[in-house]
Amino acid sequence: MPRRVTIDDVARLAEVHKATVSRALNAQTRDQVNAETLKRVKRAARQLGYVPNAMARGLRTSKSMTIGVIIPDLMNPIFPPIIRGIEHVLQAQGYTVLIANTDSHDEVEVSAFESLLQRRVDGFILATGRLDDQPVVEEAATADVPVVLVNRDSGVGRYPLVSGDNARGIELAVTHLVELGHPRIIHVAGPPNFSTTRTRAEAFEAAATRAGVEHDTIYATALSTDAGFEAAEKLLSDNGVAPSALVAGNDLVALGLIRRLRVQGLRCPDEVSVVGFNDMPFAGDFWPPLTTVRMPLREIGAEAARLLLRGIEAGEQEAATLTLPVSLVVRGSTGPFRS
């Protein structure tokens, strides 16, 4: 069996001290090495086929240099940008991101959490927060491991949360529709056990009341296209007359609403305007292109990663909430009210 290449071998070939090699090959300390030396060390490591021993480093630093990220639905287009933001920050610091998808099942979430914990991850970013009973939050508290919540809160006030300004986003949507003259606006919200749903529903009620327009809120069973379609079907069958405008719980729900309106023979935006939420990738490619609230998804992921790193380094966390600004992107799915 060939002898394992060591850090001493790399140091000899690069003609530097082995401590310099260690700093050069560690993402957290390589900025302490000048550019020419860093290039020489990397060249020597490649030439020799040197692979850093992450396990040995973990024993020295008590860190595995891995982070667990648990998301509820890998098929939801908002999560890839969030994950990209997380990876952008963590990889630059030498961390590896381990991603688990739960399909919104409690037992899968707990199993994923325990599996990642057994792999000695240094912390977790959870995008699965709910306001009802959530076993993984208790698991995290028992394990005493650093956790940052992203996008949705768990309602327990124990962990930091990074999200977009949901209330402001709804205010922008309602103001836009009121300025277009819409007299009756319905908010098709997400499931009521999501913090995002509660915040947006409360903001919608307040904004519509201030504007003096007729309004109501109904709840979709999920934040999906199918759930949006079903919600629109129920709305149309219960009321008979469509509202002049709809504000959706997210862009997927908005897409389902538009599909159901089309089945009904109602044109968007000529007869019913629709506003989404999140500005997920390809929202501008819908037909009509979707007016929606733009959430800074990649920035949300990046800030969550930074918060987690600070908590890991400090050995403690504050249950602070970081709210990032949002904006309204006006496209073709909204237009003036036509009586």
Foldseek 3Di string as FASTA:
>chain_A
DDDADDLVQLCVQLVHDSVLLVQLPFLQRVVVPDPVSSVSSVVSCVVVVHDDDLVVVCVVVVASLEEEEEEADPPPLLPVLLVLLQCVQSVSRVHHYDYDYQVLDLVSVQVSLVVVVVVVHQEYEYANAWQDDRVVVVVCVVVVHAYEYEAWHNNPLPHEYEHADLLVFLLQVLVVQVVLPFQEEEEAAEDPRTPSRVSNVVSNVVNCVVSVGHYYYDYFDHQALCSLLVVLVVVCVVPVDDGLEYEYNALRSQNNNCVNCVVVVHDFNQRYAYEGEACGPCCVVDVPRHWYKHISSSVSSNVSNVQRVVCSVVVHHHHHYHYHYIGIDDTRRHHHHDD
